[in-house]
Amino acid sequence: MTTLAYQAMGIGPWVSAIVSPEVAMSLAKEYRQYGWPVKVNNIDFE
């Protein structure tokens, strides 16, 4: 399993969830397109 963390709209608290690696990467890509900061397993996702 993989930890996904993001900060919606770049403000407020970080939200984290434990999901499958496939789901983590898919959501990380989507959230980065929104311009949100994203971390996968506590590493910044660019």
C-alpha atoms as a PDB file:
ATOM      1  CA  MET A   1       0.000   0.000   0.000  1.00  0.00           C
ATOM      2  CA  THR A   2       1.006   3.609  -0.619  1.00  0.00           C
ATOM      3  CA  THR A   3       0.425   6.808   1.334  1.00  0.00           C
ATOM      4  CA  LEU A   4      -1.000   9.677  -0.692  1.00  0.00           C
ATOM      5  CA  ALA A   5      -1.086  13.152   0.853  1.00  0.00           C
ATOM      6  CA  TYR A   6      -2.358  16.359  -0.694  1.00  0.00           C
ATOM      7  CA  GLN A   7      -3.322  19.871   0.284  1.00  0.00           C
ATOM      8  CA  ALA A   8      -6.536  20.887  -1.458  1.00  0.00           C
ATOM      9  CA  MET A   9      -6.081  24.180  -3.305  1.00  0.00           C
ATOM     10  CA  GLY A  10      -2.713  24.557  -1.556  1.00  0.00           C
ATOM     11  CA  ILE A  11      -4.291  25.775   1.686  1.00  0.00           C
ATOM     12  CA  GLY A  12      -5.395  24.235   4.946  1.00  0.00           C
ATOM     13  CA  PRO A  13      -4.433  20.901   6.437  1.00  0.00           C
ATOM     14  CA  TRP A  14      -2.913  18.037   4.483  1.00  0.00           C
ATOM     15  CA  VAL A  15      -5.238  15.118   3.752  1.00  0.00           C
ATOM     16  CA  SER A  16      -3.727  11.647   3.640  1.00  0.00           C
ATOM     17  CA  ALA A  17      -4.971   8.221   2.661  1.00  0.00           C
ATOM     18  CA  ILE A  18      -3.481   4.778   2.285  1.00  0.00           C
ATOM     19  CA  VAL A  19      -4.352   3.372  -1.125  1.00  0.00           C
ATOM     20  CA  SER A  20      -2.968   0.997  -3.733  1.00  0.00           C
ATOM     21  CA  PRO A  21       0.078   2.231  -5.689  1.00  0.00           C
ATOM     22  CA  GLU A  22      -2.007   2.495  -8.862  1.00  0.00           C
ATOM     23  CA  VAL A  23      -4.645   4.669  -7.209  1.00  0.00           C
ATOM     24  CA  ALA A  24      -1.984   6.830  -5.532  1.00  0.00           C
ATOM     25  CA  MET A  25      -0.253   7.587  -8.828  1.00  0.00           C
ATOM     26  CA  SER A  26      -3.504   8.263 -10.669  1.00  0.00           C
ATOM     27  CA  LEU A  27      -4.784  10.665  -8.020  1.00  0.00           C
ATOM     28  CA  ALA A  28      -1.370  12.316  -7.603  1.00  0.00           C
ATOM     29  CA  LYS A  29      -1.277  13.125 -11.331  1.00  0.00           C
ATOM     30  CA  GLU A  30      -4.820  14.477 -11.242  1.00  0.00           C
ATOM     31  CA  TYR A  31      -4.259  16.623  -8.148  1.00  0.00           C
ATOM     32  CA  ARG A  32      -0.990  18.046  -9.560  1.00  0.00           C
ATOM     33  CA  GLN A  33      -2.933  19.099 -12.650  1.00  0.00           C
ATOM     34  CA  TYR A  34      -5.098  21.159 -10.303  1.00  0.00           C
ATOM     35  CA  GLY A  35      -1.917  22.752  -8.974  1.00  0.00           C
ATOM     36  CA  TRP A  36      -2.243  21.165  -5.536  1.00  0.00           C
ATOM     37  CA  PRO A  37       0.837  20.082  -3.553  1.00  0.00           C
ATOM     38  CA  VAL A  38       1.002  16.283  -3.469  1.00  0.00           C
ATOM     39  CA  LYS A  39       3.224  13.721  -1.725  1.00  0.00           C
ATOM     40  CA  VAL A  40       3.460  10.001  -2.377  1.00  0.00           C
ATOM     41  CA  ASN A  41       5.071   8.061   0.480  1.00  0.00           C
ATOM     42  CA  ASN A  42       6.136  11.435   1.963  1.00  0.00           C
ATOM     43  CA  ILE A  43       8.066  12.426  -1.203  1.00  0.00           C
ATOM     44  CA  ASP A  44       6.988  15.496  -3.181  1.00  0.00           C
ATOM     45  CA  PHE A  45       5.242  14.479  -6.411  1.00  0.00           C
ATOM     46  CA  GLU A  46       6.066  16.693  -9.354  1.00  0.00           C
END
